[in-house]
Structures are given as structure tokens and as C-alpha cells.
Amino acid sequence: EMVRGLGLKGGQGPKRIVAGTMAQESRNPEELEAMGQTCNFLGFNLLDTYYRDPALLAKVMDRYGIHSTLSHHTAFGVGTGTLTAPDPGRTHAETVEDRLRRNADAHYTKLAEPFRAAAKAAPGGGAYPHVRYGILFDEVEQVIDCIGINRDPFFLGYFVEYLKRNGLTPEQVGVKDWKDVRALDYTVPDPRALLAMKRRVNSAKARMGADEALKTGLSGKTLGDGKDASLDAETLELLGEGGDKDAEAGKDVLSAEDKEAMEWMDAIKAIEKKIKEKDKGLTLETEKRLYHWTTRFKNAYYDQFLRSASEAACRNYPAPFTASVNLQPQPGWLGLMFGGECNLFELGREGVFRCLQWEDWNCGALNTAFGSGLTRAASRKRGQERMALVVGHVPGQRLMTHLAQGVRYVVFYLYGPIHCIGPVWGEHPPSLADIGGTLAQVGRLEDDMLAATNRPAPAALLIANTSEVNSTYRNQGFGYERLAIFRALLDAKVPVDMVGEEEIVEDGILDRYRVLYVADPHVDRRAQAAIRAWVER
């Protein structure tokens, strides 16, 4: 009724540009019907909700012109399993690729089975044929760190293989022999997680009949792999506690969790011992290089992990299904690609996803243009579709900004209407009027929008992942300088593209441009040489 009172007419939104929202579960047919009507008035063609009767949900979607919905099947059930050595005739990388692919297929086949079963039972297939897009998980989150690499002989071997493949020598990472190489990323275990592990270890020791609780010997000063991490007195006191008082003594059977905890504690103690020995070969230069290549290895494995999940998800839903991780708003807020934890240009160039998704989370329009411009640049080589998660109230200007950067999937977060999570707008009349009115404009302009592309830009702005990796040592605020340059060029009506180091080195992309702006303090030497040659020409 609130939307009807705004004078909006149903069905005026886009038909091929996907636009919709996430909403809470509908509790009864009347609520589901009202939600469908509301979406129709606003111009949506996608609705992400749950209803216990898939057939009725599908009927409501069809009645109100809603042709799409989402899946939220997490990728974190995917992994390599236990590996001890490369498969015969395969490298570590090929073995990992094979395991991830097989495990991802099994994971997503199992997750999609209930949808397929419901589709067989429901007239017209229920909601299953409507699933167009999948969010694999929310925000960038690394799936391995230096502790995990160093405690696992297979992954340590994989790391060494990666270094060799990229032309490094043992001396360049501070050792004389490959067998002495260790990954380094300054990961510091969460003190509370350490405490939980210690209590489990103590409990296990008690069950084995140990005379006293395990003494870990952790100093609390150097828990990371190469960098001090001071802990407060309360944490140190917790880490110094004795065994689990509730443990049953006399049991000699350890659970898998017990054994895992003991292995982790042993790994952490070994790391601390290595730090105390102060490896003389690890100078500041080699330490930085080792950190740089550890980060790039983690990114490479992250890409393998995400690609396996994305491809398996796409195989288990009807075409034209596509999927991506929801990348958080750092590009728009800070002008960064996640501080070295994720290289958007690699994600795009390696074809990790069929679609690239970014959330704007209340960014202004110019910052939104930067974030969507960055995903446009990342998709340049393979032409992936792009999706925007539009977050917050009165988002019409940001919607148009995303569309102007070539985005063709838009999801408004979050309908609500109850305040259960996120900034909901389902009972906010200014937002409802803004969304409905803007989508009506998009509906009228849709054919022209889909026929158009961004015109060639004379200017380029470098986004160097090397700077983001090295910001661990010195962060000079270059992300804000990137944003300032981008905003100044837009204000001057100068079209600008963002370019990555990889494109400069491998594709010769600078030949397209008249000027390159650089705010980054660290740039790959190969890219530096290519930039110099381009300037001299």
C-alpha cells in the first residue's frame, strides 16, 4: 500500500537488465503476494526470498514478471582434502586443481539436489529454473595463511614449486636451500583461538593420563612468522591457564579435533623457535620479497579455489546462471583492491568468475564510479558480466552510476522490511520512490543502454597490486590519491580507464592512451620498464 500510494505503476522496470532485491522469508501466501506486488510496482524482475511452497513462489514470481532469483550456496565446503604428495605425473598445482574441481563438483551437486528434487515435484519446475545468479560467499577472505602452508608438507612443497616457476632462487628469499624455505605473511593466531586450542590440548593430555597440563612455552611476544605481536596482560594470563578442569582423566582416545589442535600448537611452537633463532639470512630485503611472493602464492591458490567453486556452481544450475563472490566496498571507500589480499585483475584475467560483483555500501556516486570502473577494468580481457550490490537508502544516483559503468545485474540490499540485518529500505518512502522512479527510467532507456558501450578513454590510471602488497611495510595513502585523480578527471569530463600492471606488461595496453596517471609508490619492475618505453616513444 505504501508503494501504491507513491503513484508508481507496475511492470515499468527493465526486462533484460536484472534488477531486484533480497527479502526475508514470507510467512504466509498473503505476505508472499504482497511482496510480489511490491516488487512489480518498483520495477524489479529478481526476488531473493524463501517460501515453504516452491510451486506457489514460482507462480507469484511469474504473475508479477519476476524472472530471476539468487542462490547463496557457500564455497567454504570446497577444499583439497588431505594431500601428501603430487599425483603421479602431475605437479603440485595440477594436483590441487584436480582435487578442488572434484570436491567442488561433489559439494555443489549435493547442495543443488534439494532444488532439483523440488523442481521435479512442482509444476513448471518451481523456483529452480529462475535461479540466475549465485553469491558464493560474502567478502574477500583468504583460505590459507603462512601457518597453514608451513605446517603442511604438501602445501609447503606447492609454495616452493610456485617460487621456482616464477624464477626465484633460494638466496632471493633468504635461504641457501629450497628445503629451508618457509612462507611469511605475519599471520598472528587469534588469542582466543589459541586459548581454545590450548584447552583442548590440555584436555587431551589429561585424558591420556598426563601428570600436568601441557606447558606451551609461548612468550606472547612473537606469535607471528617474523613480526612481533604484543598481547595484553589478560590474554597472556589466559594463555597461561592450566588444563581443562572439566576434562575426564584416564581416557586414551583422542578425537580428530584434539589431534588437530595438538598439531597446530606444535606448528606455532616451531614458528616461535625459528623466530627466536633469528635466521641470519632473512634481511629486510629478502623478508619483503618473501612476504610479497607468499601473498602472491596465497592469491594464486585463492583463484584456484574460487574458480573451482564458481564453475561447479554454474554446472549445477540452469543456464544462463552465473556466480561470483561479493567483494566488499574497499574500492569505493579506500581506492584499494583489498590491500593485497585479492587482485581483481588476476580474478578477471584468469577467468575465475563469469561475473564480477562489488558492493557500494553507501558510497557517494563518484566513489561508486571508481569501484564499478575497477570491476569494468578487471573484466576487460574476458568480458565478464558485472553485478552491483547497491546498499543503503535513496540509491537511485548510484544505480545510474553502476549502469553507466556497464553493470547489468543490480541487487538492492536490503528490502527487509524488518530491521533484521543491514540497512533496510522496505518501509522508507523516499527510498521506495527513488528506486521505483529510477527503475522506470531504466525501463524506458533499456534498449539504448544495452546497445551502448563506454567510449574509448584518452587517460588511464594505474592500479598496481604491488603497492597494495607492500603497504604492509609503509602505507602512504595512495588509495585516496587514486580516488582524487579519478574524481578530478570525471569533474573535468575526461573519460578515464583503470589499468593493471599485468595489462601493461602482457598486453601493451598503454598504446591505447595519451596519458597515464600514477599514484602508486611501488610498481612491478617489468611494468616500470614498459611505462618508460611507452613514454619515450
Protein backbone atom coordinates (compact mmCIF):
# COMPACT_ATOMS: atom_id res chain seq x y z
CA GLU A 1 0.00 0.00 0.00
CA MET A 2 2.88 2.34 0.73
CA VAL A 3 4.31 1.82 -2.77
CA ARG A 4 0.90 2.05 -4.44
CA GLY A 5 0.43 5.43 -2.75
CA LEU A 6 3.58 6.75 -4.42
CA GLY A 7 1.86 6.64 -7.80
CA LEU A 8 4.19 4.01 -9.26
CA LYS A 9 2.81 1.78 -12.00
CA GLY A 10 3.68 -1.89 -12.12
CA GLY A 11 5.85 -3.52 -14.75
CA GLN A 12 7.69 -0.38 -15.92
CA GLY A 13 11.15 -1.55 -14.89
CA PRO A 14 13.81 -3.21 -17.08
CA LYS A 15 13.25 -6.64 -18.58
CA ARG A 16 16.76 -7.75 -19.58
CA ILE A 17 18.89 -5.76 -17.14
CA VAL A 18 18.50 -7.82 -13.97
CA ALA A 19 17.30 -5.71 -11.05
CA GLY A 20 15.95 -6.99 -7.75
CA THR A 21 16.27 -7.33 -4.02
CA MET A 22 16.84 -9.68 -1.12
CA ALA A 23 13.97 -10.06 1.34
CA GLN A 24 13.15 -12.02 4.45
CA GLU A 25 11.21 -15.30 4.40
CA SER A 26 7.50 -14.97 3.62
CA ARG A 27 5.35 -16.49 6.38
CA ASN A 28 2.06 -16.94 4.51
CA PRO A 29 0.54 -16.64 0.99
CA GLU A 30 -0.77 -13.13 1.68
CA GLU A 31 2.68 -11.84 2.64
CA LEU A 32 4.26 -13.51 -0.41
CA GLU A 33 1.60 -11.97 -2.67
CA ALA A 34 2.21 -8.51 -1.17
CA MET A 35 5.94 -8.90 -1.69
CA GLY A 36 5.40 -9.86 -5.34
CA GLN A 37 3.12 -6.86 -5.91
CA THR A 38 5.62 -4.51 -4.25
CA CYS A 39 8.45 -5.78 -6.44
CA ASN A 40 6.28 -5.31 -9.53
CA PHE A 41 5.43 -1.71 -8.60
CA LEU A 42 9.12 -0.95 -8.02
CA GLY A 43 10.13 -2.44 -11.37
CA PHE A 44 12.06 -5.45 -10.06
CA ASN A 45 12.50 -8.62 -12.07
CA LEU A 46 14.50 -10.52 -9.41
CA LEU A 47 13.40 -11.51 -5.92
CA ASP A 48 15.52 -13.43 -3.46
CA THR A 49 13.25 -14.84 -0.76
CA TYR A 50 12.22 -18.18 0.70
CA TYR A 51 8.76 -19.72 0.88
CA ARG A 52 7.92 -23.23 2.03
CA ASP A 53 5.86 -23.94 -1.11
CA PRO A 54 8.20 -23.60 -4.14
CA ALA A 55 5.31 -24.02 -6.60
CA LEU A 56 3.41 -21.06 -5.11
CA LEU A 57 6.59 -18.98 -5.01
CA ALA A 58 7.12 -19.69 -8.73
CA LYS A 59 3.51 -18.73 -9.54
CA VAL A 60 3.85 -15.41 -7.70
CA MET A 61 7.14 -14.69 -9.48
CA ASP A 62 5.60 -15.45 -12.87
CA ARG A 63 2.47 -13.41 -12.15
CA TYR A 64 4.49 -10.29 -11.34
CA GLY A 65 7.13 -10.53 -14.04
CA ILE A 66 9.92 -11.73 -11.73
CA HIS A 67 12.12 -13.95 -13.86
CA SER A 68 15.13 -14.37 -11.56
CA THR A 69 16.26 -15.32 -8.07
CA LEU A 70 19.59 -15.89 -6.29
CA SER A 71 21.38 -18.76 -4.61
CA HIS A 72 23.66 -18.29 -1.61
CA HIS A 73 25.48 -21.60 -1.56
CA THR A 74 28.74 -21.10 0.24
CA ALA A 75 32.02 -22.15 -1.33
CA PHE A 76 33.61 -22.97 2.02
CA GLY A 77 32.65 -26.61 1.76
CA VAL A 78 35.19 -26.88 -1.06
CA GLY A 79 38.78 -27.91 -0.32
CA THR A 80 41.59 -30.19 -1.39
CA GLY A 81 41.22 -32.75 1.38
CA THR A 82 44.38 -34.34 2.76
CA LEU A 83 47.25 -34.37 0.27
CA THR A 84 50.68 -35.84 0.94
CA ALA A 85 52.35 -35.73 -2.49
CA PRO A 86 51.54 -34.74 -6.07
CA ASP A 87 49.64 -37.28 -8.12
CA PRO A 88 51.86 -39.40 -10.41
CA GLY A 89 52.81 -37.39 -13.47
CA ARG A 90 51.32 -34.18 -12.05
CA THR A 91 52.74 -31.08 -10.41
CA HIS A 92 51.52 -29.77 -7.06
CA ALA A 93 49.45 -27.14 -8.92
CA GLU A 94 47.83 -29.73 -11.20
CA THR A 95 47.06 -32.00 -8.24
CA VAL A 96 45.42 -29.12 -6.35
CA GLU A 97 43.41 -28.14 -9.45
CA ASP A 98 42.10 -31.69 -9.81
CA ARG A 99 41.13 -32.10 -6.14
CA LEU A 100 39.43 -28.73 -5.94
CA ARG A 101 37.44 -29.45 -9.11
CA ARG A 102 36.28 -32.89 -7.95
CA ASN A 103 35.44 -31.74 -4.43
CA ALA A 104 33.63 -28.65 -5.72
CA ASP A 105 31.53 -30.79 -8.06
CA ALA A 106 30.54 -33.09 -5.21
CA HIS A 107 29.81 -30.12 -2.91
CA TYR A 108 27.57 -28.23 -5.32
CA THR A 109 25.84 -31.32 -6.66
CA LYS A 110 24.78 -32.10 -3.10
CA LEU A 111 23.70 -28.51 -2.39
CA ALA A 112 21.64 -28.21 -5.58
CA GLU A 113 19.93 -31.60 -5.22
CA PRO A 114 17.06 -30.36 -2.99
CA PHE A 115 16.33 -27.63 -5.56
CA ARG A 116 16.29 -30.17 -8.39
CA ALA A 117 14.06 -32.52 -6.39
CA ALA A 118 11.62 -29.71 -5.63
CA ALA A 119 11.67 -28.70 -9.30
CA LYS A 120 10.61 -32.20 -10.36
CA ALA A 121 7.70 -32.14 -7.94
CA ALA A 122 6.49 -28.59 -8.66
CA PRO A 123 4.50 -27.57 -11.74
CA GLY A 124 6.78 -25.69 -14.10
CA GLY A 125 9.85 -26.62 -12.07
CA GLY A 126 9.17 -24.33 -9.11
CA ALA A 127 11.79 -21.67 -8.39
CA TYR A 128 14.72 -23.74 -9.73
CA PRO A 129 14.52 -22.53 -13.36
CA HIS A 130 14.51 -18.93 -12.06
CA VAL A 131 17.91 -19.16 -10.34
CA ARG A 132 20.07 -16.81 -12.40
CA TYR A 133 22.84 -15.75 -10.07
CA GLY A 134 24.82 -17.21 -7.17
CA ILE A 135 26.71 -15.39 -4.40
CA LEU A 136 29.45 -17.84 -3.41
CA PHE A 137 30.22 -16.06 -0.14
CA ASP A 138 30.40 -12.58 1.30
CA GLU A 139 33.60 -10.53 1.14
CA VAL A 140 37.22 -11.38 0.43
CA GLU A 141 38.54 -13.95 2.88
CA GLN A 142 41.80 -15.82 2.34
CA VAL A 143 41.59 -19.61 2.59
CA ILE A 144 45.20 -20.28 3.62
CA ASP A 145 47.90 -18.44 5.59
CA CYS A 146 51.59 -18.92 6.35
CA ILE A 147 50.91 -21.13 9.38
CA GLY A 148 48.76 -23.44 7.27
CA ILE A 149 51.36 -23.50 4.49
CA ASN A 150 54.33 -24.15 6.77
CA ARG A 151 52.70 -26.92 8.80
CA ASP A 152 51.53 -28.86 5.72
CA PRO A 153 54.40 -30.55 3.79
CA PHE A 154 52.31 -30.73 0.61
CA PHE A 155 51.43 -27.03 0.59
CA LEU A 156 54.96 -26.07 1.54
CA GLY A 157 56.13 -28.08 -1.47
CA TYR A 158 53.48 -26.34 -3.58
CA PHE A 159 54.80 -22.95 -2.38
CA VAL A 160 58.37 -23.89 -3.35
CA GLU A 161 57.13 -25.09 -6.75
CA TYR A 162 55.39 -21.72 -7.22
CA LEU A 163 58.56 -19.79 -6.36
CA LYS A 164 60.61 -21.85 -8.82
CA ARG A 165 58.02 -21.39 -11.55
CA ASN A 166 58.33 -17.62 -11.12
CA GLY A 167 62.11 -17.70 -11.49
CA LEU A 168 63.18 -17.15 -7.89
CA THR A 169 66.24 -18.69 -6.21
CA PRO A 170 66.61 -19.79 -2.56
CA GLU A 171 69.02 -16.92 -1.92
CA GLN A 172 66.43 -14.36 -3.05
CA VAL A 173 64.14 -15.46 -0.21
CA GLY A 174 66.87 -15.63 2.42
CA VAL A 175 67.94 -19.30 2.49
CA LYS A 176 70.64 -21.46 0.92
CA ASP A 177 68.46 -24.45 0.04
CA TRP A 178 64.84 -24.89 -1.04
CA LYS A 179 64.20 -27.26 1.87
CA ASP A 180 64.66 -24.33 4.28
CA VAL A 181 62.08 -22.04 2.65
CA ARG A 182 59.10 -21.01 4.77
CA ALA A 183 56.12 -18.83 3.84
CA LEU A 184 55.78 -15.49 5.62
CA ASP A 185 52.72 -13.26 5.94
CA TYR A 186 52.80 -12.11 9.59
CA THR A 187 49.71 -14.12 10.46
CA VAL A 188 49.13 -13.95 14.22
CA PRO A 189 46.74 -16.58 15.58
CA ASP A 190 43.68 -15.18 17.31
CA PRO A 191 44.49 -15.30 21.07
CA ARG A 192 41.05 -16.68 21.83
CA ALA A 193 41.53 -19.38 19.21
CA LEU A 194 44.91 -20.15 20.76
CA LEU A 195 43.27 -20.44 24.15
CA ALA A 196 40.63 -22.80 22.80
CA MET A 197 43.36 -24.92 21.18
CA LYS A 198 45.41 -24.95 24.36
CA ARG A 199 42.47 -26.06 26.46
CA ARG A 200 41.71 -28.84 24.01
CA VAL A 201 45.36 -29.94 24.07
CA ASN A 202 45.37 -29.87 27.86
CA SER A 203 42.15 -31.85 27.93
CA ALA A 204 43.62 -34.41 25.54
CA LYS A 205 46.74 -34.72 27.68
CA ALA A 206 44.58 -35.23 30.75
CA ARG A 207 42.65 -37.99 29.02
CA MET A 208 45.94 -39.67 28.18
CA GLY A 209 46.82 -39.62 31.86
CA ALA A 210 49.36 -36.78 31.78
CA ASP A 211 50.57 -35.62 35.20
CA GLU A 212 50.05 -31.96 34.45
CA ALA A 213 48.64 -29.68 31.80
CA LEU A 214 50.67 -29.03 28.68
CA LYS A 215 53.12 -26.17 29.04
CA THR A 216 53.15 -24.40 25.68
CA GLY A 217 56.07 -22.08 26.30
CA LEU A 218 54.55 -19.30 24.22
CA SER A 219 56.04 -15.96 25.17
CA GLY A 220 53.17 -13.91 23.78
CA LYS A 221 55.63 -11.55 22.11
CA THR A 222 56.38 -13.29 18.83
CA LEU A 223 53.41 -15.41 17.83
CA GLY A 224 53.62 -14.49 14.13
CA ASP A 225 56.04 -15.68 11.50
CA GLY A 226 58.61 -12.91 11.62
CA LYS A 227 56.87 -9.95 13.23
CA ASP A 228 56.31 -9.07 16.89
CA ALA A 229 52.73 -9.07 18.13
CA SER A 230 52.33 -7.86 21.69
CA LEU A 231 49.43 -9.34 23.62
CA ASP A 232 47.70 -7.70 26.55
CA ALA A 233 48.14 -8.94 30.11
CA GLU A 234 44.67 -10.53 30.20
CA THR A 235 45.39 -12.60 27.11
CA LEU A 236 48.76 -13.70 28.45
CA GLU A 237 47.08 -14.72 31.69
CA LEU A 238 44.53 -16.75 29.75
CA LEU A 239 47.27 -18.43 27.73
CA GLY A 240 48.99 -19.31 30.99
CA GLU A 241 45.99 -21.13 32.45
CA GLY A 242 46.18 -24.79 33.32
CA GLY A 243 44.29 -27.69 31.78
CA ASP A 244 40.59 -28.04 31.21
CA LYS A 245 39.14 -28.61 34.69
CA ASP A 246 36.17 -30.40 33.20
CA ALA A 247 38.23 -32.97 31.33
CA GLU A 248 37.75 -36.60 32.15
CA ALA A 249 41.06 -38.14 33.12
CA GLY A 250 42.04 -41.65 32.07
CA LYS A 251 40.65 -41.72 28.53
CA ASP A 252 43.21 -42.59 25.91
CA VAL A 253 41.13 -41.95 22.75
CA LEU A 254 41.74 -38.60 21.07
CA SER A 255 39.23 -37.03 18.71
CA ALA A 256 40.22 -35.64 15.35
CA GLU A 257 39.75 -32.14 16.81
CA ASP A 258 42.15 -32.98 19.65
CA LYS A 259 44.82 -34.12 17.22
CA GLU A 260 44.29 -31.08 15.01
CA ALA A 261 44.70 -28.76 18.00
CA MET A 262 47.91 -30.50 19.08
CA GLU A 263 49.34 -30.24 15.56
CA TRP A 264 48.53 -26.53 15.43
CA MET A 265 50.17 -25.89 18.79
CA ASP A 266 53.27 -27.78 17.66
CA ALA A 267 53.37 -25.71 14.46
CA ILE A 268 53.08 -22.46 16.40
CA LYS A 269 55.83 -23.51 18.79
CA ALA A 270 58.07 -24.39 15.83
CA ILE A 271 57.44 -20.97 14.31
CA GLU A 272 58.34 -19.28 17.57
CA LYS A 273 61.52 -21.31 17.82
CA LYS A 274 62.51 -20.31 14.30
CA ILE A 275 61.92 -16.65 15.14
CA LYS A 276 63.98 -16.86 18.31
CA GLU A 277 66.84 -18.35 16.33
CA LYS A 278 66.77 -15.18 14.19
CA ASP A 279 67.58 -16.60 10.81
CA LYS A 280 70.56 -14.50 9.68
CA GLY A 281 69.71 -14.99 6.01
CA LEU A 282 66.44 -13.05 6.23
CA THR A 283 67.49 -9.46 5.66
CA LEU A 284 64.90 -6.73 5.31
CA GLU A 285 65.14 -7.01 1.52
CA THR A 286 64.67 -10.77 1.43
CA GLU A 287 61.96 -10.57 4.09
CA LYS A 288 59.95 -8.14 1.98
CA ARG A 289 60.46 -10.30 -1.11
CA LEU A 290 59.38 -13.43 0.76
CA TYR A 291 56.29 -11.66 2.07
CA HIS A 292 55.48 -10.41 -1.46
CA TRP A 293 55.70 -13.87 -3.01
CA THR A 294 53.85 -15.52 -0.11
CA THR A 295 50.99 -13.09 -0.73
CA ARG A 296 51.01 -13.78 -4.46
CA PHE A 297 51.00 -17.53 -3.81
CA LYS A 298 48.02 -17.17 -1.48
CA ASN A 299 46.24 -15.16 -4.18
CA ALA A 300 47.02 -17.81 -6.79
CA TYR A 301 45.61 -20.57 -4.57
CA TYR A 302 42.61 -18.35 -3.77
CA ASP A 303 41.97 -18.02 -7.51
CA GLN A 304 42.11 -21.82 -7.93
CA PHE A 305 39.72 -22.30 -5.01
CA LEU A 306 37.23 -19.72 -6.27
CA ARG A 307 37.35 -20.92 -9.88
CA SER A 308 36.55 -24.49 -8.87
CA ALA A 309 33.58 -23.30 -6.78
CA SER A 310 32.29 -20.93 -9.47
CA GLU A 311 32.47 -23.50 -12.27
CA ALA A 312 30.86 -26.23 -10.16
CA ALA A 313 28.02 -23.91 -9.13
CA CYS A 314 27.43 -22.94 -12.76
CA ARG A 315 27.29 -26.61 -13.79
CA ASN A 316 24.56 -27.29 -11.23
CA TYR A 317 22.08 -24.56 -12.15
CA PRO A 318 20.20 -23.88 -15.38
CA ALA A 319 21.76 -21.56 -17.98
CA PRO A 320 22.29 -18.58 -18.01
CA PHE A 321 23.32 -18.96 -14.36
CA THR A 322 26.44 -17.07 -13.27
CA ALA A 323 28.22 -16.64 -9.93
CA SER A 324 30.73 -14.53 -8.03
CA VAL A 325 31.97 -13.68 -4.57
CA ASN A 326 30.51 -10.47 -3.14
CA LEU A 327 33.55 -8.18 -2.99
CA GLN A 328 33.32 -5.67 -0.14
CA PRO A 329 33.37 -1.87 -0.63
CA GLN A 330 37.11 -1.15 -0.23
CA PRO A 331 37.47 0.07 -3.84
CA GLY A 332 34.84 2.76 -3.34
CA TRP A 333 35.76 3.63 0.22
CA LEU A 334 39.56 3.48 0.05
CA GLY A 335 40.55 3.24 -3.61
CA LEU A 336 42.15 -0.17 -2.97
CA MET A 337 41.88 -3.73 -4.26
CA PHE A 338 41.68 -5.21 -0.74
CA GLY A 339 45.22 -4.37 0.39
CA GLY A 340 46.95 -7.18 -1.49
CA GLU A 341 44.60 -9.91 -0.26
CA CYS A 342 42.86 -10.14 -3.64
CA ASN A 343 43.99 -8.92 -7.05
CA LEU A 344 40.91 -8.05 -9.10
CA PHE A 345 42.89 -8.00 -12.34
CA GLU A 346 44.01 -11.60 -11.75
CA LEU A 347 40.45 -12.66 -10.92
CA GLY A 348 39.29 -11.21 -14.22
CA ARG A 349 42.20 -12.21 -16.44
CA GLU A 350 42.26 -15.79 -15.14
CA GLY A 351 38.51 -16.20 -15.70
CA VAL A 352 37.90 -17.12 -12.07
CA PHE A 353 34.27 -15.94 -12.29
CA ARG A 354 31.80 -15.50 -15.12
CA CYS A 355 30.66 -12.35 -13.34
CA LEU A 356 32.37 -9.80 -11.05
CA GLN A 357 30.33 -8.44 -8.15
CA TRP A 358 31.06 -5.42 -5.96
CA GLU A 359 29.04 -3.76 -3.18
CA ASP A 360 28.94 0.03 -2.86
CA TRP A 361 27.71 0.24 0.76
CA ASN A 362 26.57 3.87 0.85
CA CYS A 363 29.47 5.25 -1.23
CA GLY A 364 28.93 8.56 -2.97
CA ALA A 365 28.31 8.49 -6.73
CA LEU A 366 31.93 9.35 -7.71
CA ASN A 367 33.34 6.68 -5.39
CA THR A 368 30.77 4.25 -6.77
CA ALA A 369 32.01 5.06 -10.27
CA PHE A 370 35.56 4.21 -9.14
CA GLY A 371 34.52 0.82 -7.73
CA SER A 372 32.46 -0.17 -10.75
CA GLY A 373 35.12 1.26 -13.05
CA LEU A 374 37.62 -1.05 -11.37
CA THR A 375 35.48 -4.15 -12.00
CA ARG A 376 34.99 -2.93 -15.60
CA ALA A 377 38.77 -2.82 -15.98
CA ALA A 378 39.16 -6.27 -14.39
CA SER A 379 36.64 -7.75 -16.86
CA ARG A 380 38.28 -6.14 -19.90
CA LYS A 381 40.23 -9.20 -21.09
CA ARG A 382 37.43 -11.80 -20.83
CA GLY A 383 34.31 -9.65 -20.95
CA GLN A 384 32.62 -10.97 -17.80
CA GLU A 385 29.20 -9.70 -16.78
CA ARG A 386 29.22 -7.47 -13.70
CA MET A 387 26.92 -7.22 -10.74
CA ALA A 388 26.45 -4.45 -8.16
CA LEU A 389 25.09 -4.91 -4.67
CA VAL A 390 23.53 -1.47 -4.05
CA VAL A 391 23.40 -0.84 -0.31
CA GLY A 392 21.60 1.87 1.63
CA HIS A 393 18.82 4.40 1.29
CA VAL A 394 17.85 6.55 -1.74
CA PRO A 395 20.24 4.73 -4.10
CA GLY A 396 18.97 5.96 -7.50
CA GLN A 397 22.05 8.03 -8.36
CA ARG A 398 24.35 5.12 -7.50
CA LEU A 399 22.19 2.78 -9.61
CA MET A 400 22.64 5.01 -12.67
CA THR A 401 26.37 5.26 -11.91
CA HIS A 402 26.72 1.47 -11.91
CA LEU A 403 24.77 1.17 -15.16
CA ALA A 404 26.93 3.88 -16.77
CA GLN A 405 29.97 1.72 -15.98
CA GLY A 406 28.39 -1.25 -17.79
CA VAL A 407 26.89 -3.16 -14.83
CA ARG A 408 23.95 -5.33 -15.92
CA TYR A 409 23.00 -7.16 -12.69
CA VAL A 410 21.79 -5.00 -9.79
CA VAL A 411 20.56 -6.21 -6.40
CA PHE A 412 19.30 -3.71 -3.83
CA TYR A 413 20.30 -4.63 -0.29
CA LEU A 414 18.08 -4.96 1.69
CA TYR A 415 14.30 -4.95 1.28
CA GLY A 416 13.59 -6.13 4.80
CA PRO A 417 11.07 -4.86 5.61
CA ILE A 418 12.02 -5.66 9.20
CA HIS A 419 15.38 -4.47 10.55
CA CYS A 420 16.92 -7.91 10.83
CA ILE A 421 20.21 -7.26 9.04
CA GLY A 422 21.77 -4.45 7.07
CA PRO A 423 20.31 -1.02 6.21
CA VAL A 424 16.79 -1.97 5.08
CA TRP A 425 14.63 0.36 2.98
CA GLY A 426 11.37 -1.62 2.69
CA GLU A 427 9.44 0.88 4.84
CA HIS A 428 11.34 4.03 3.82
CA PRO A 429 9.12 6.02 1.39
CA PRO A 430 11.91 8.23 -0.05
CA SER A 431 13.92 5.11 -0.96
CA LEU A 432 10.88 3.37 -2.42
CA ALA A 433 10.06 6.39 -4.59
CA ASP A 434 13.70 6.77 -5.65
CA ILE A 435 14.13 3.10 -6.59
CA GLY A 436 10.78 2.85 -8.40
CA GLY A 437 11.24 6.10 -10.31
CA THR A 438 14.82 5.31 -11.33
CA LEU A 439 13.99 1.77 -12.49
CA ALA A 440 11.10 3.18 -14.56
CA GLN A 441 13.66 5.42 -16.31
CA VAL A 442 15.93 2.40 -16.82
CA GLY A 443 12.98 0.51 -18.34
CA ARG A 444 12.46 3.29 -20.89
CA LEU A 445 16.20 3.51 -21.70
CA GLU A 446 17.00 -0.22 -21.55
CA ASP A 447 17.41 -0.87 -25.29
CA ASP A 448 19.83 2.04 -25.68
CA MET A 449 21.74 1.08 -22.53
CA LEU A 450 22.25 -2.48 -23.72
CA ALA A 451 23.35 -1.31 -27.18
CA ALA A 452 25.88 1.16 -25.76
CA THR A 453 29.44 0.69 -24.56
CA ASN A 454 31.78 3.08 -22.78
CA ARG A 455 33.63 5.22 -25.30
CA PRO A 456 37.42 4.91 -25.55
CA ALA A 457 39.21 6.91 -22.87
CA PRO A 458 42.30 9.05 -23.54
CA ALA A 459 43.50 8.74 -19.94
CA ALA A 460 44.50 5.77 -17.80
CA LEU A 461 45.00 5.44 -14.05
CA LEU A 462 47.40 2.76 -12.80
CA ILE A 463 46.14 0.36 -10.11
CA ALA A 464 49.30 -1.53 -9.06
CA ASN A 465 48.73 -4.54 -6.84
CA THR A 466 52.43 -4.39 -5.91
CA SER A 467 51.71 -1.20 -3.94
CA GLU A 468 48.87 -2.91 -2.10
CA VAL A 469 51.01 -5.89 -1.13
CA ASN A 470 53.86 -3.66 0.04
CA SER A 471 51.54 -1.37 2.02
CA THR A 472 52.18 -3.80 4.90
CA TYR A 473 55.55 -2.07 5.31
CA ARG A 474 54.61 1.50 4.51
CA ASN A 475 51.12 2.71 3.65
CA GLN A 476 51.38 6.13 2.03
CA GLY A 477 47.65 6.70 1.48
CA PHE A 478 47.94 6.11 -2.26
CA GLY A 479 44.39 4.72 -2.43
CA TYR A 480 42.96 8.13 -1.60
CA GLU A 481 45.24 9.68 -4.22
CA ARG A 482 43.87 7.26 -6.81
CA LEU A 483 40.35 8.32 -5.86
CA ALA A 484 41.27 12.01 -6.02
CA ILE A 485 42.78 11.68 -9.52
CA PHE A 486 39.75 9.70 -10.73
CA ARG A 487 37.29 12.25 -9.31
CA ALA A 488 39.25 15.19 -10.76
CA LEU A 489 39.21 13.64 -14.24
CA LEU A 490 35.47 12.93 -14.06
CA ASP A 491 34.83 16.51 -12.91
CA ALA A 492 36.85 17.71 -15.92
CA LYS A 493 34.74 15.46 -18.21
CA VAL A 494 37.82 13.39 -19.15
CA PRO A 495 36.97 9.67 -19.58
CA VAL A 496 39.45 7.50 -17.69
CA ASP A 497 40.15 3.76 -17.56
CA MET A 498 41.92 1.93 -14.77
CA VAL A 499 44.74 -0.38 -15.85
CA GLY A 500 46.67 -3.09 -14.01
CA GLU A 501 50.34 -3.99 -14.06
CA GLU A 502 49.56 -7.27 -15.83
CA GLU A 503 47.89 -5.44 -18.74
CA ILE A 504 50.87 -3.13 -19.15
CA VAL A 505 53.40 -5.98 -19.13
CA GLU A 506 51.49 -8.65 -21.09
CA ASP A 507 49.05 -6.75 -23.33
CA GLY A 508 50.81 -3.46 -24.15
CA ILE A 509 47.63 -1.67 -23.14
CA LEU A 510 49.28 1.74 -22.76
CA ASP A 511 49.29 2.14 -26.55
CA ARG A 512 45.56 2.91 -26.26
CA TYR A 513 46.10 6.02 -24.11
CA ARG A 514 47.57 9.53 -24.32
CA VAL A 515 48.36 9.91 -20.62
CA LEU A 516 48.90 7.64 -17.60
CA TYR A 517 48.38 8.82 -14.02
CA VAL A 518 50.40 7.05 -11.32
CA ALA A 519 49.88 7.50 -7.58
CA ASP A 520 51.33 4.12 -6.58
CA PRO A 521 54.63 4.11 -4.65
CA HIS A 522 55.52 0.52 -5.63
CA VAL A 523 55.27 -0.84 -9.20
CA ASP A 524 56.44 -4.13 -10.71
CA ARG A 525 59.85 -3.57 -12.34
CA ARG A 526 58.59 -5.04 -15.62
CA ALA A 527 55.69 -2.57 -15.64
CA GLN A 528 58.12 0.27 -14.84
CA ALA A 529 60.23 -0.66 -17.87
CA ALA A 530 57.15 -0.83 -20.12
CA ILE A 531 55.92 2.57 -18.86
CA ARG A 532 59.33 4.14 -19.51
CA ALA A 533 59.46 2.71 -23.04
CA TRP A 534 55.92 3.98 -23.75
CA VAL A 535 56.79 7.48 -22.53
CA GLU A 536 59.96 7.57 -24.62
CA ARG A 537 58.03 6.55 -27.76
